[in-house]
Amino acid sequence: MIRLFTRYFLQFILLVLIQVFVLNNIQMGGYLNPYLYIMFILLLPFQTPQWLLLVLGFFLGLSIDLFTHTPGMHSTATIFMAFVRPYALRLISPREGYETGTNPSLHFYGFNWYLRYALILVFSHHLVLFFIEAYRFSDFFYTFARVVLSTALTTLLIITIQFLFYRD
């Protein structure tokens, strides 16, 4: 139990630091914004209770908000993503269900399953985040283009990291 807590705590810290000190400093024409920190919510075990997902989502978003001076934007988007996660898992669940003691991983459930899982959650996060940031619907198509392109880039980063570092 302590080992699992330490593992997830280190993942939390590492993903926040990478986001704040590396990815937030990359400018790609305003359309591409990679948000790798949300991978923390994607990696949590299937048995994580809904209330804990929401609390972890809040603290994850709050930590990014504190570093980037965006009061509540990332918190709101990350809480929404944590809220959607159980519904997305039910929507794409294998016919025989999820095995007890497994985590959502590309190596265990396959590329197609993980791609759908990541796309649903990353898109939901980015949709909320970018529309809160725009704070109006007058730039709907510009904002939606940012959502789609950033979702593609973030998902590509997440899948690349899954291939390179996670062999669960």
C-alpha atoms as a PDB file:
ATOM      1  CA  MET A   1       0.000   0.000   0.000  1.00  0.00           C
ATOM      2  CA  ILE A   2       2.788   2.421   0.918  1.00  0.00           C
ATOM      3  CA  ARG A   3       4.614   1.474  -2.284  1.00  0.00           C
ATOM      4  CA  LEU A   4       1.551   2.285  -4.392  1.00  0.00           C
ATOM      5  CA  PHE A   5       1.024   5.593  -2.606  1.00  0.00           C
ATOM      6  CA  THR A   6       4.679   6.513  -3.169  1.00  0.00           C
ATOM      7  CA  ARG A   7       4.466   5.535  -6.850  1.00  0.00           C
ATOM      8  CA  TYR A   8       1.389   7.679  -7.509  1.00  0.00           C
ATOM      9  CA  PHE A   9       2.731  10.560  -5.443  1.00  0.00           C
ATOM     10  CA  LEU A  10       5.962  10.580  -7.476  1.00  0.00           C
ATOM     11  CA  GLN A  11       3.981  10.376 -10.736  1.00  0.00           C
ATOM     12  CA  PHE A  12       1.884  13.335  -9.593  1.00  0.00           C
ATOM     13  CA  ILE A  13       4.946  15.440  -8.763  1.00  0.00           C
ATOM     14  CA  LEU A  14       6.849  14.449 -11.908  1.00  0.00           C
ATOM     15  CA  LEU A  15       3.948  15.144 -14.269  1.00  0.00           C
ATOM     16  CA  VAL A  16       3.235  18.539 -12.673  1.00  0.00           C
ATOM     17  CA  LEU A  17       6.913  19.539 -12.871  1.00  0.00           C
ATOM     18  CA  ILE A  18       7.214  18.436 -16.514  1.00  0.00           C
ATOM     19  CA  GLN A  19       4.062  20.378 -17.343  1.00  0.00           C
ATOM     20  CA  VAL A  20       5.078  23.546 -15.533  1.00  0.00           C
ATOM     21  CA  PHE A  21       8.764  23.746 -16.381  1.00  0.00           C
ATOM     22  CA  VAL A  22       8.886  22.161 -19.846  1.00  0.00           C
ATOM     23  CA  LEU A  23       5.564  21.901 -21.676  1.00  0.00           C
ATOM     24  CA  ASN A  24       4.121  25.255 -20.611  1.00  0.00           C
ATOM     25  CA  ASN A  25       7.183  26.941 -22.142  1.00  0.00           C
ATOM     26  CA  ILE A  26       6.666  25.390 -25.574  1.00  0.00           C
ATOM     27  CA  GLN A  27       4.809  27.692 -27.953  1.00  0.00           C
ATOM     28  CA  MET A  28       3.371  26.104 -31.095  1.00  0.00           C
ATOM     29  CA  GLY A  29       1.412  28.815 -32.855  1.00  0.00           C
ATOM     30  CA  GLY A  30      -1.354  29.065 -30.268  1.00  0.00           C
ATOM     31  CA  TYR A  31      -3.137  25.976 -31.563  1.00  0.00           C
ATOM     32  CA  LEU A  32      -1.041  23.256 -29.965  1.00  0.00           C
ATOM     33  CA  ASN A  33      -0.853  23.121 -26.190  1.00  0.00           C
ATOM     34  CA  PRO A  34       0.279  19.768 -24.758  1.00  0.00           C
ATOM     35  CA  TYR A  35      -1.130  19.035 -21.296  1.00  0.00           C
ATOM     36  CA  LEU A  36       0.650  15.902 -20.150  1.00  0.00           C
ATOM     37  CA  TYR A  37      -0.224  16.331 -16.459  1.00  0.00           C
ATOM     38  CA  ILE A  38      -3.674  14.817 -17.055  1.00  0.00           C
ATOM     39  CA  MET A  39      -1.974  11.479 -17.622  1.00  0.00           C
ATOM     40  CA  PHE A  40      -2.073  11.101 -13.838  1.00  0.00           C
ATOM     41  CA  ILE A  41      -5.873  10.672 -13.921  1.00  0.00           C
ATOM     42  CA  LEU A  42      -5.577   8.263 -16.864  1.00  0.00           C
ATOM     43  CA  LEU A  43      -3.157   6.017 -14.946  1.00  0.00           C
ATOM     44  CA  LEU A  44      -5.183   5.611 -11.757  1.00  0.00           C
ATOM     45  CA  PRO A  45      -6.463   2.086 -11.018  1.00  0.00           C
ATOM     46  CA  PHE A  46      -9.935   1.020 -12.138  1.00  0.00           C
ATOM     47  CA  GLN A  47     -11.023   0.544  -8.509  1.00  0.00           C
ATOM     48  CA  THR A  48     -10.347   4.180  -7.571  1.00  0.00           C
ATOM     49  CA  PRO A  49     -13.549   5.500  -5.954  1.00  0.00           C
ATOM     50  CA  GLN A  50     -15.343   8.359  -7.699  1.00  0.00           C
ATOM     51  CA  TRP A  51     -14.920  10.715  -4.744  1.00  0.00           C
ATOM     52  CA  LEU A  52     -11.157  10.109  -4.695  1.00  0.00           C
ATOM     53  CA  LEU A  53     -10.936  10.728  -8.454  1.00  0.00           C
ATOM     54  CA  LEU A  54     -12.631  14.097  -7.972  1.00  0.00           C
ATOM     55  CA  VAL A  55     -10.399  15.051  -5.041  1.00  0.00           C
ATOM     56  CA  LEU A  56      -7.229  14.030  -6.900  1.00  0.00           C
ATOM     57  CA  GLY A  57      -8.456  15.848 -10.004  1.00  0.00           C
ATOM     58  CA  PHE A  58      -8.996  18.982  -7.943  1.00  0.00           C
ATOM     59  CA  PHE A  59      -5.530  18.905  -6.388  1.00  0.00           C
ATOM     60  CA  LEU A  60      -3.897  18.093  -9.721  1.00  0.00           C
ATOM     61  CA  GLY A  61      -5.629  21.013 -11.422  1.00  0.00           C
ATOM     62  CA  LEU A  62      -5.028  23.292  -8.454  1.00  0.00           C
ATOM     63  CA  SER A  63      -1.295  22.603  -8.532  1.00  0.00           C
ATOM     64  CA  ILE A  64      -1.155  23.594 -12.210  1.00  0.00           C
ATOM     65  CA  ASP A  65      -3.345  26.645 -11.512  1.00  0.00           C
ATOM     66  CA  LEU A  66      -0.987  27.795  -8.762  1.00  0.00           C
ATOM     67  CA  PHE A  67       2.055  27.570 -11.020  1.00  0.00           C
ATOM     68  CA  THR A  68       0.414  29.157 -14.076  1.00  0.00           C
ATOM     69  CA  HIS A  69      -1.729  31.823 -12.356  1.00  0.00           C
ATOM     70  CA  THR A  70      -4.950  30.546 -13.937  1.00  0.00           C
ATOM     71  CA  PRO A  71      -7.361  30.519 -10.988  1.00  0.00           C
ATOM     72  CA  GLY A  72      -9.669  27.553 -11.306  1.00  0.00           C
ATOM     73  CA  MET A  73      -9.319  26.842 -15.034  1.00  0.00           C
ATOM     74  CA  HIS A  74      -7.237  23.682 -14.790  1.00  0.00           C
ATOM     75  CA  SER A  75      -9.018  22.593 -11.607  1.00  0.00           C
ATOM     76  CA  THR A  76     -12.399  22.771 -13.306  1.00  0.00           C
ATOM     77  CA  ALA A  77     -11.225  20.935 -16.421  1.00  0.00           C
ATOM     78  CA  THR A  78      -9.439  18.224 -14.436  1.00  0.00           C
ATOM     79  CA  ILE A  79     -12.412  17.685 -12.117  1.00  0.00           C
ATOM     80  CA  PHE A  80     -14.650  17.349 -15.174  1.00  0.00           C
ATOM     81  CA  MET A  81     -12.242  14.798 -16.662  1.00  0.00           C
ATOM     82  CA  ALA A  82     -12.213  12.844 -13.384  1.00  0.00           C
ATOM     83  CA  PHE A  83     -16.025  12.961 -13.350  1.00  0.00           C
ATOM     84  CA  VAL A  84     -16.260  11.618 -16.921  1.00  0.00           C
ATOM     85  CA  ARG A  85     -13.690   8.825 -16.392  1.00  0.00           C
ATOM     86  CA  PRO A  86     -16.023   6.148 -14.901  1.00  0.00           C
ATOM     87  CA  TYR A  87     -18.566   6.726 -17.686  1.00  0.00           C
ATOM     88  CA  ALA A  88     -15.863   6.485 -20.340  1.00  0.00           C
ATOM     89  CA  LEU A  89     -14.591   3.252 -18.772  1.00  0.00           C
ATOM     90  CA  ARG A  90     -18.109   1.796 -18.836  1.00  0.00           C
ATOM     91  CA  LEU A  91     -18.591   2.919 -22.434  1.00  0.00           C
ATOM     92  CA  ILE A  92     -15.461   1.172 -23.726  1.00  0.00           C
ATOM     93  CA  SER A  93     -15.277  -1.767 -21.299  1.00  0.00           C
ATOM     94  CA  PRO A  94     -14.294  -5.148 -22.714  1.00  0.00           C
ATOM     95  CA  ARG A  95     -17.055  -7.718 -22.973  1.00  0.00           C
ATOM     96  CA  GLU A  96     -15.670  -9.717 -20.061  1.00  0.00           C
ATOM     97  CA  GLY A  97     -15.060  -6.575 -17.982  1.00  0.00           C
ATOM     98  CA  TYR A  98     -11.885  -5.301 -16.420  1.00  0.00           C
ATOM     99  CA  GLU A  99      -9.635  -7.684 -14.529  1.00  0.00           C
ATOM    100  CA  THR A 100      -9.311  -6.995 -10.834  1.00  0.00           C
ATOM    101  CA  GLY A 101      -6.007  -5.459  -9.846  1.00  0.00           C
ATOM    102  CA  THR A 102      -5.190  -4.041 -13.289  1.00  0.00           C
ATOM    103  CA  ASN A 103      -4.652  -0.449 -14.306  1.00  0.00           C
ATOM    104  CA  PRO A 104      -5.667   1.220 -17.550  1.00  0.00           C
ATOM    105  CA  SER A 105      -2.613   0.561 -19.672  1.00  0.00           C
ATOM    106  CA  LEU A 106      -1.793   0.307 -23.337  1.00  0.00           C
ATOM    107  CA  HIS A 107       0.177  -2.898 -22.851  1.00  0.00           C
ATOM    108  CA  PHE A 108      -2.558  -4.728 -20.963  1.00  0.00           C
ATOM    109  CA  TYR A 109      -5.697  -3.665 -22.877  1.00  0.00           C
ATOM    110  CA  GLY A 110      -4.196  -2.948 -26.295  1.00  0.00           C
ATOM    111  CA  PHE A 111      -3.676   0.040 -28.510  1.00  0.00           C
ATOM    112  CA  ASN A 112      -7.253   0.495 -29.782  1.00  0.00           C
ATOM    113  CA  TRP A 113      -8.785   0.373 -26.308  1.00  0.00           C
ATOM    114  CA  TYR A 114      -6.214   2.756 -24.842  1.00  0.00           C
ATOM    115  CA  LEU A 115      -6.519   5.173 -27.763  1.00  0.00           C
ATOM    116  CA  ARG A 116     -10.304   5.422 -27.290  1.00  0.00           C
ATOM    117  CA  TYR A 117      -9.884   5.777 -23.528  1.00  0.00           C
ATOM    118  CA  ALA A 118      -7.277   8.526 -23.818  1.00  0.00           C
ATOM    119  CA  LEU A 119      -9.091  10.395 -26.598  1.00  0.00           C
ATOM    120  CA  ILE A 120     -12.376  10.553 -24.681  1.00  0.00           C
ATOM    121  CA  LEU A 121     -10.786  11.841 -21.486  1.00  0.00           C
ATOM    122  CA  VAL A 122      -8.246  14.185 -23.071  1.00  0.00           C
ATOM    123  CA  PHE A 123     -10.923  15.673 -25.354  1.00  0.00           C
ATOM    124  CA  SER A 124     -13.283  16.228 -22.425  1.00  0.00           C
ATOM    125  CA  HIS A 125     -10.528  17.957 -20.439  1.00  0.00           C
ATOM    126  CA  HIS A 126      -9.414  20.157 -23.326  1.00  0.00           C
ATOM    127  CA  LEU A 127     -12.971  21.079 -24.311  1.00  0.00           C
ATOM    128  CA  VAL A 128     -13.710  22.453 -20.857  1.00  0.00           C
ATOM    129  CA  LEU A 129     -10.285  24.054 -20.416  1.00  0.00           C
ATOM    130  CA  PHE A 130     -10.171  25.932 -23.717  1.00  0.00           C
ATOM    131  CA  PHE A 131     -13.758  27.149 -23.580  1.00  0.00           C
ATOM    132  CA  ILE A 132     -13.235  28.418 -20.022  1.00  0.00           C
ATOM    133  CA  GLU A 133     -10.075  30.129 -21.234  1.00  0.00           C
ATOM    134  CA  ALA A 134     -11.860  31.732 -24.217  1.00  0.00           C
ATOM    135  CA  TYR A 135     -14.840  32.664 -22.006  1.00  0.00           C
ATOM    136  CA  ARG A 136     -17.053  33.261 -25.029  1.00  0.00           C
ATOM    137  CA  PHE A 137     -18.566  31.390 -27.927  1.00  0.00           C
ATOM    138  CA  SER A 138     -17.821  34.082 -30.515  1.00  0.00           C
ATOM    139  CA  ASP A 139     -14.499  32.366 -31.315  1.00  0.00           C
ATOM    140  CA  PHE A 140     -16.110  28.927 -31.337  1.00  0.00           C
ATOM    141  CA  PHE A 141     -14.309  27.513 -34.402  1.00  0.00           C
ATOM    142  CA  TYR A 142     -10.900  28.851 -33.357  1.00  0.00           C
ATOM    143  CA  THR A 143     -11.349  27.421 -29.853  1.00  0.00           C
ATOM    144  CA  PHE A 144     -12.661  24.093 -31.177  1.00  0.00           C
ATOM    145  CA  ALA A 145      -9.661  23.832 -33.524  1.00  0.00           C
ATOM    146  CA  ARG A 146      -7.398  24.362 -30.496  1.00  0.00           C
ATOM    147  CA  VAL A 147      -9.282  21.621 -28.635  1.00  0.00           C
ATOM    148  CA  VAL A 148      -8.938  19.111 -31.486  1.00  0.00           C
ATOM    149  CA  LEU A 149      -5.284  19.833 -32.264  1.00  0.00           C
ATOM    150  CA  SER A 150      -4.205  19.915 -28.625  1.00  0.00           C
ATOM    151  CA  THR A 151      -6.129  16.696 -27.959  1.00  0.00           C
ATOM    152  CA  ALA A 152      -4.257  15.005 -30.815  1.00  0.00           C
ATOM    153  CA  LEU A 153      -0.873  16.229 -29.566  1.00  0.00           C
ATOM    154  CA  THR A 154      -1.538  15.381 -25.912  1.00  0.00           C
ATOM    155  CA  THR A 155      -2.846  11.918 -26.820  1.00  0.00           C
ATOM    156  CA  LEU A 156       0.199  11.296 -29.009  1.00  0.00           C
ATOM    157  CA  LEU A 157       2.484  12.253 -26.108  1.00  0.00           C
ATOM    158  CA  ILE A 158       0.583  10.056 -23.666  1.00  0.00           C
ATOM    159  CA  ILE A 159       0.673   7.024 -25.976  1.00  0.00           C
ATOM    160  CA  THR A 160       4.377   7.560 -26.698  1.00  0.00           C
ATOM    161  CA  ILE A 161       5.114   7.653 -22.975  1.00  0.00           C
ATOM    162  CA  GLN A 162       3.016   4.516 -22.461  1.00  0.00           C
ATOM    163  CA  PHE A 163       5.089   2.709 -25.124  1.00  0.00           C
ATOM    164  CA  LEU A 164       8.403   3.905 -23.721  1.00  0.00           C
ATOM    165  CA  PHE A 165       8.008   3.765 -19.935  1.00  0.00           C
ATOM    166  CA  TYR A 166       5.023   1.675 -18.818  1.00  0.00           C
ATOM    167  CA  ARG A 167       5.346  -2.081 -19.106  1.00  0.00           C
ATOM    168  CA  ASP A 168       2.682  -3.116 -16.536  1.00  0.00           C
END
